[in-house]
């Protein structure tokens, strides 16, 4: 038996409850992870709320995808990991998978990589979903290269702070928007070339100021909603807009007027499609290498939660109070 936080129904943050349940059984191609930490992402809150039925696990369910922990048991055919290895990944909490808010998690090895040696379990658990999302958007969809001008909205957010560092590592000229002086200082410390306070300057003003009115070659919208319209406005003619939150309705005439390309990244699709899972493991290996080389570091909010405080972590996320990622520590272990 093991302890876990489950949801019996989808709804507000109060639906989590602590239970004792059967420990998962190993199967070929999988490992069982002794879970040390997780983190909360907006998609976790959306699934908890019942807003993404196509990606939601059957009830009762254990939620959360991001995990960091120690390999406890190895399934038949697994050669990439052995018992005792420290690993991280976004390995479940969605349709057809078990989540991370538990003592032991069954995980497909294709969704995992070895944890970077120079960071904690707590830090590692904050990396997988946002790093895979940022990598896919910038390099797979956006084809970002050195010396390009890129505007990243939300430079201290979960995906934003990783995208900022990855773009800088690639050699791009990185501009980012933030909402306060504190966040501006953090964005600068992470490597942003230019930080824009979007509350102090209009889109027209900062596009004129930094691009002579021409706009940015690439715009990465990590915010969504009306900010996608702002991204169309900030992009240069023939430019590229990257987005991760596009469940909304927009007037596309500004895109047409500029001949823009729009690319959406929804990383869960490659977890739900088992034929694509290995792509995530490959990206995470590269992320781990960058972390160990000092080129990338997770920004973790100063407030952390235990697994039994999962509901409170969701409230904190939805209140928009966090800077960077919100971590959860398994205090059952």
Protein backbone atom coordinates (compact mmCIF):
# COMPACT_ATOMS: atom_id res chain seq x y z
CA UNK A 1 0.00 0.00 0.00
CA UNK A 2 0.98 3.63 -0.45
CA UNK A 3 -0.36 7.08 0.32
CA UNK A 4 -1.73 9.31 -2.45
CA UNK A 5 -3.78 12.41 -3.06
CA UNK A 6 -6.74 11.57 -5.30
CA UNK A 7 -9.74 13.34 -6.80
CA UNK A 8 -13.09 11.52 -6.91
CA UNK A 9 -14.71 14.26 -9.00
CA UNK A 10 -13.57 17.25 -11.01
CA UNK A 11 -14.16 20.68 -9.51
CA UNK A 12 -12.51 23.33 -7.33
CA UNK A 13 -9.34 22.93 -5.30
CA UNK A 14 -11.17 21.19 -2.44
CA UNK A 15 -11.61 17.93 -4.41
CA UNK A 16 -8.24 16.48 -3.32
CA UNK A 17 -8.22 13.93 -0.51
CA UNK A 18 -5.56 11.73 1.07
CA UNK A 19 -6.01 7.97 0.74
CA UNK A 20 -4.20 4.64 1.06
CA UNK A 21 -4.14 2.76 -2.23
CA UNK A 22 -2.39 -0.16 -3.89
CA UNK A 23 1.18 0.41 -4.99
CA UNK A 24 1.48 0.14 -8.80
CA UNK A 25 2.67 -3.09 -10.38
CA UNK A 26 5.70 -2.97 -12.66
CA UNK A 27 5.31 -3.71 -16.37
CA UNK A 28 7.64 -3.95 -19.39
CA UNK A 29 9.13 -0.64 -20.55
CA UNK A 30 8.30 1.09 -17.29
CA UNK A 31 9.91 1.89 -13.94
CA UNK A 32 8.39 2.53 -10.55
CA UNK A 33 9.62 5.83 -9.12
CA UNK A 34 9.84 6.59 -5.42
CA UNK A 35 8.41 10.10 -5.74
CA UNK A 36 10.31 12.87 -3.98
CA UNK A 37 8.76 15.99 -5.51
CA UNK A 38 6.30 17.35 -8.06
CA UNK A 39 5.17 20.76 -9.28
CA UNK A 40 1.89 22.30 -10.34
CA UNK A 41 1.22 23.55 -13.86
CA UNK A 42 -1.82 25.38 -15.26
CA UNK A 43 -2.83 22.20 -17.14
CA UNK A 44 -3.01 20.34 -13.79
CA UNK A 45 -5.48 22.91 -12.49
CA UNK A 46 -7.49 22.76 -15.72
CA UNK A 47 -7.72 18.98 -15.52
CA UNK A 48 -8.72 19.17 -11.83
CA UNK A 49 -11.46 21.63 -12.80
CA UNK A 50 -12.79 19.32 -15.53
CA UNK A 51 -11.91 21.78 -18.29
CA UNK A 52 -9.90 19.33 -20.45
CA UNK A 53 -11.95 16.12 -20.63
CA UNK A 54 -10.03 14.76 -23.62
CA UNK A 55 -6.84 14.64 -21.54
CA UNK A 56 -8.31 13.77 -18.14
CA UNK A 57 -7.74 10.42 -16.40
CA UNK A 58 -10.58 8.22 -15.27
CA UNK A 59 -11.86 8.88 -11.74
CA UNK A 60 -10.79 8.37 -9.04
CA UNK A 61 -7.51 9.83 -10.27
CA UNK A 62 -4.05 10.82 -9.10
CA UNK A 63 -3.09 14.10 -10.79
CA UNK A 64 0.10 16.02 -11.69
CA UNK A 65 2.58 15.17 -14.42
CA UNK A 66 5.90 16.58 -13.23
CA UNK A 67 7.92 14.21 -11.08
CA UNK A 68 11.39 13.83 -9.62
CA UNK A 69 12.44 10.78 -7.68
CA UNK A 70 14.44 7.58 -7.40
CA UNK A 71 13.98 4.44 -9.48
CA UNK A 72 12.57 1.80 -7.13
CA UNK A 73 11.87 -1.03 -9.58
CA UNK A 74 12.74 -1.67 -13.24
CA UNK A 75 10.48 -3.40 -15.75
CA UNK A 76 11.39 -5.98 -18.36
CA UNK A 77 13.28 -4.59 -21.33
CA UNK A 78 14.40 -1.40 -19.59
CA UNK A 79 18.11 -0.75 -20.14
CA UNK A 80 18.27 3.03 -19.75
CA UNK A 81 17.76 3.09 -15.96
CA UNK A 82 18.60 0.94 -12.97
CA UNK A 83 17.37 0.81 -9.38
CA UNK A 84 18.67 3.82 -7.46
CA UNK A 85 18.92 6.19 -10.44
CA UNK A 86 17.61 9.71 -9.83
CA UNK A 87 15.19 10.69 -12.60
CA UNK A 88 12.81 13.44 -13.65
CA UNK A 89 10.06 13.81 -16.25
CA UNK A 90 6.48 14.68 -17.01
CA UNK A 91 5.21 11.14 -16.83
CA UNK A 92 1.51 11.02 -15.98
CA UNK A 93 -1.54 12.57 -14.41
CA UNK A 94 -3.32 12.54 -17.74
CA UNK A 95 -5.58 10.13 -19.63
CA UNK A 96 -4.33 6.55 -19.36
CA UNK A 97 -1.60 7.35 -16.80
CA UNK A 98 -1.23 7.65 -13.04
CA UNK A 99 -0.08 10.93 -11.54
CA UNK A 100 2.78 12.06 -9.32
CA UNK A 101 0.92 13.02 -6.13
CA UNK A 102 1.69 9.70 -4.50
CA UNK A 103 4.52 7.75 -2.88
CA UNK A 104 5.23 5.56 -5.92
CA UNK A 105 4.56 6.31 -9.59
CA UNK A 106 4.56 3.93 -12.55
CA UNK A 107 6.29 5.75 -15.42
CA UNK A 108 7.10 5.03 -19.06
CA UNK A 109 10.89 5.26 -19.35
CA UNK A 110 10.56 7.11 -22.65
CA UNK A 111 9.19 10.10 -20.71
CA UNK A 112 12.12 10.25 -18.28
CA UNK A 113 15.73 11.37 -18.11
CA UNK A 114 18.39 11.34 -15.42
CA UNK A 115 18.00 14.21 -12.99
CA UNK A 116 20.66 16.92 -13.31
CA UNK A 117 23.25 16.29 -10.59
CA UNK A 118 23.64 19.92 -9.57
CA UNK A 119 20.05 20.66 -8.53
CA UNK A 120 17.67 19.34 -5.89
CA UNK A 121 14.72 17.01 -6.40
CA UNK A 122 12.46 19.98 -5.72
CA UNK A 123 14.11 22.03 -8.47
CA UNK A 124 14.15 19.10 -10.90
CA UNK A 125 10.42 18.52 -10.46
CA UNK A 126 9.80 22.08 -11.62
CA UNK A 127 11.48 21.56 -15.00
CA UNK A 128 9.85 18.87 -17.17
CA UNK A 129 6.58 20.24 -18.56
CA UNK A 130 7.76 23.82 -18.93
CA UNK A 131 11.13 22.85 -20.44
CA UNK A 132 9.61 20.47 -22.99
CA UNK A 133 7.01 23.11 -23.88
CA UNK A 134 9.57 25.88 -24.30
CA UNK A 135 11.95 23.65 -26.31
CA UNK A 136 9.20 22.49 -28.67
CA UNK A 137 7.89 26.02 -29.21
CA UNK A 138 11.26 27.69 -29.76
CA UNK A 139 13.22 25.08 -31.67
CA UNK A 140 10.75 22.63 -33.21
CA UNK A 141 7.91 24.99 -34.11
CA UNK A 142 9.75 28.33 -34.12
CA UNK A 143 13.08 27.22 -35.61
CA UNK A 144 14.78 29.92 -33.53
CA UNK A 145 18.37 30.67 -34.47
CA UNK A 146 21.21 32.92 -33.33
CA UNK A 147 20.85 36.71 -33.70
CA UNK A 148 17.07 36.61 -34.18
CA UNK A 149 15.02 39.13 -32.21
CA UNK A 150 12.48 37.38 -29.99
CA UNK A 151 9.89 38.85 -27.65
CA UNK A 152 8.89 36.46 -24.85
CA UNK A 153 5.78 37.44 -22.93
CA UNK A 154 5.87 36.56 -19.23
CA UNK A 155 9.60 36.25 -18.65
CA UNK A 156 9.32 35.07 -15.04
CA UNK A 157 6.43 32.66 -15.59
CA UNK A 158 6.74 28.88 -15.69
CA UNK A 159 7.36 28.47 -19.41
CA UNK A 160 8.57 32.04 -19.88
CA UNK A 161 11.62 31.85 -17.62
CA UNK A 162 12.80 28.65 -19.31
CA UNK A 163 12.15 30.03 -22.80
CA UNK A 164 14.14 33.16 -21.95
CA UNK A 165 17.18 31.11 -20.95
CA UNK A 166 16.92 28.69 -23.89
CA UNK A 167 16.62 31.55 -26.39
CA UNK A 168 19.64 33.25 -24.84
CA UNK A 169 21.61 29.99 -24.97
CA UNK A 170 20.76 29.76 -28.68
CA UNK A 171 22.20 33.25 -29.23
CA UNK A 172 18.98 35.15 -29.87
CA UNK A 173 18.40 38.78 -28.85
CA UNK A 174 15.90 38.33 -26.04
CA UNK A 175 13.25 40.87 -25.11
CA UNK A 176 10.71 39.98 -22.43
CA UNK A 177 7.66 41.50 -20.77
CA UNK A 178 7.10 41.58 -17.01
CA UNK A 179 4.72 43.36 -14.62
CA UNK A 180 6.98 44.62 -11.82
CA UNK A 181 10.47 45.82 -10.96
CA UNK A 182 11.10 42.65 -8.94
CA UNK A 183 10.26 40.48 -11.95
CA UNK A 184 12.34 42.74 -14.19
CA UNK A 185 15.40 42.15 -12.01
CA UNK A 186 14.83 38.40 -12.08
CA UNK A 187 14.43 38.39 -15.88
CA UNK A 188 17.69 40.32 -16.24
CA UNK A 189 19.47 37.87 -13.94
CA UNK A 190 18.26 35.01 -16.17
CA UNK A 191 19.84 36.64 -19.21
CA UNK A 192 17.20 38.84 -20.87
CA UNK A 193 18.79 41.54 -23.02
CA UNK A 194 15.85 43.93 -22.66
CA UNK A 195 13.04 43.86 -20.11
CA UNK A 196 9.76 45.64 -20.82
CA UNK A 197 7.24 46.63 -18.15
CA UNK A 198 4.00 46.13 -20.09
CA UNK A 199 2.11 48.14 -17.50
CA UNK A 200 4.31 51.18 -18.14
CA UNK A 201 4.56 51.00 -21.95
CA UNK A 202 1.96 50.23 -24.60
CA UNK A 203 2.64 47.69 -27.36
CA UNK A 204 2.95 50.54 -29.87
CA UNK A 205 5.45 52.32 -27.64
CA UNK A 206 7.78 49.39 -27.05
CA UNK A 207 7.59 48.17 -30.65
CA UNK A 208 8.60 51.66 -31.80
CA UNK A 209 11.26 51.99 -29.11
CA UNK A 210 13.02 48.67 -29.68
CA UNK A 211 12.34 47.82 -33.33
CA UNK A 212 11.78 51.22 -34.95
CA UNK A 213 8.14 50.22 -35.43
CA UNK A 214 9.02 47.12 -37.47
CA UNK A 215 8.08 44.54 -34.84
CA UNK A 216 9.79 41.39 -33.57
CA UNK A 217 10.73 38.50 -35.86
CA UNK A 218 9.45 35.99 -33.32
CA UNK A 219 6.96 36.49 -30.49
CA UNK A 220 6.39 33.78 -27.88
CA UNK A 221 3.10 34.22 -26.03
CA UNK A 222 3.16 32.20 -22.81
CA UNK A 223 0.16 34.06 -21.35
CA UNK A 224 -2.81 33.52 -23.67
CA UNK A 225 -6.18 35.27 -23.84
CA UNK A 226 -5.99 38.86 -25.03
CA UNK A 227 -2.21 38.63 -24.97
CA UNK A 228 -2.33 36.62 -28.19
CA UNK A 229 -3.79 39.70 -29.90
CA UNK A 230 -0.97 41.74 -28.36
CA UNK A 231 1.47 39.24 -29.84
CA UNK A 232 0.03 39.69 -33.35
CA UNK A 233 0.41 43.43 -32.84
CA UNK A 234 4.05 43.14 -31.70
CA UNK A 235 5.17 40.80 -34.49
CA UNK A 236 7.02 41.95 -37.61
CA UNK A 237 5.68 41.39 -41.12
CA UNK A 238 6.29 37.77 -42.14
CA UNK A 239 7.06 37.02 -38.49
CA UNK A 240 6.24 34.04 -36.30
CA UNK A 241 3.97 33.90 -33.26
CA UNK A 242 4.36 30.95 -30.90
CA UNK A 243 1.64 30.18 -28.37
CA UNK A 244 0.88 27.66 -25.61
CA UNK A 245 -2.53 28.91 -24.46
CA UNK A 246 -4.86 29.39 -27.42
CA UNK A 247 -8.21 28.09 -26.18
CA UNK A 248 -9.80 31.39 -27.11
CA UNK A 249 -11.41 33.30 -29.98
CA UNK A 250 -9.47 35.93 -31.95
CA UNK A 251 -9.69 38.20 -34.96
CA UNK A 252 -7.08 36.85 -37.37
CA UNK A 253 -7.11 39.86 -39.70
CA UNK A 254 -3.94 41.32 -38.06
CA UNK A 255 -2.21 38.02 -38.88
CA UNK A 256 -3.38 38.23 -42.47
CA UNK A 257 -2.25 41.84 -42.81
CA UNK A 258 1.29 40.91 -41.76
CA UNK A 259 1.48 37.41 -43.27
CA UNK A 260 2.24 35.92 -39.87
CA UNK A 261 2.70 32.27 -38.98
CA UNK A 262 1.07 30.94 -35.79
CA UNK A 263 2.36 27.78 -34.10
CA UNK A 264 0.71 26.13 -31.09
CA UNK A 265 2.52 23.81 -28.68
CA UNK A 266 0.42 21.42 -26.59
CA UNK A 267 2.94 19.04 -25.09
CA UNK A 268 0.38 16.61 -23.64
CA UNK A 269 -0.37 15.32 -27.13
CA UNK A 270 2.95 13.47 -27.22
CA UNK A 271 2.22 11.84 -23.86
CA UNK A 272 -1.25 10.75 -24.96
CA UNK A 273 0.20 9.42 -28.25
CA UNK A 274 2.52 6.61 -27.15
CA UNK A 275 4.37 6.61 -30.49
CA UNK A 276 5.69 10.12 -29.74
CA UNK A 277 6.75 9.70 -26.11
CA UNK A 278 10.45 9.15 -26.80
CA UNK A 279 10.71 12.73 -28.11
CA UNK A 280 10.12 14.02 -24.59
CA UNK A 281 12.86 11.90 -23.08
CA UNK A 282 15.33 13.17 -25.70
CA UNK A 283 14.47 16.81 -24.91
CA UNK A 284 14.81 16.19 -21.17
CA UNK A 285 18.29 14.72 -21.69
CA UNK A 286 19.29 17.95 -23.44
CA UNK A 287 17.69 20.02 -20.68
CA UNK A 288 19.65 18.08 -18.05
CA UNK A 289 22.90 18.72 -19.94
CA UNK A 290 22.18 22.46 -20.07
CA UNK A 291 21.36 22.56 -16.36
CA UNK A 292 24.58 20.73 -15.47
CA UNK A 293 26.53 23.10 -17.74
CA UNK A 294 25.10 26.11 -15.88
CA UNK A 295 23.18 27.35 -18.92
CA UNK A 296 19.70 26.80 -17.47
CA UNK A 297 18.22 26.97 -13.99
CA UNK A 298 14.67 26.60 -12.71
CA UNK A 299 13.02 29.57 -11.04
CA UNK A 300 11.17 28.15 -8.05
CA UNK A 301 8.71 30.23 -6.05
CA UNK A 302 9.78 30.72 -2.43
CA UNK A 303 6.55 29.14 -1.16
CA UNK A 304 6.43 25.36 -1.37
CA UNK A 305 3.75 22.84 -0.45
CA UNK A 306 3.53 19.24 0.71
CA UNK A 307 1.51 16.72 -1.30
CA UNK A 308 -1.33 16.89 1.24
CA UNK A 309 -1.50 20.62 0.48
CA UNK A 310 -2.17 20.02 -3.22
CA UNK A 311 -5.42 21.98 -3.08
CA UNK A 312 -3.64 24.98 -1.57
CA UNK A 313 -0.97 24.82 -4.28
CA UNK A 314 -3.70 25.03 -6.92
CA UNK A 315 -5.27 28.02 -5.17
CA UNK A 316 -1.88 29.73 -5.08
CA UNK A 317 -1.36 29.06 -8.79
CA UNK A 318 -4.81 30.29 -9.76
CA UNK A 319 -4.39 33.45 -7.69
CA UNK A 320 -1.41 34.37 -9.89
CA UNK A 321 0.85 34.95 -6.89
CA UNK A 322 3.76 32.76 -7.91
CA UNK A 323 7.04 33.86 -9.46
CA UNK A 324 8.35 30.94 -11.50
CA UNK A 325 7.21 27.42 -10.62
CA UNK A 326 5.31 26.14 -7.59
CA UNK A 327 6.88 23.04 -6.04
CA UNK A 328 5.37 20.25 -3.98
CA UNK A 329 7.49 18.07 -1.70
CA UNK A 330 6.57 14.52 -0.76
CA UNK A 331 6.75 14.56 3.04
CA UNK A 332 5.39 11.01 3.26
CA UNK A 333 8.81 9.66 2.29
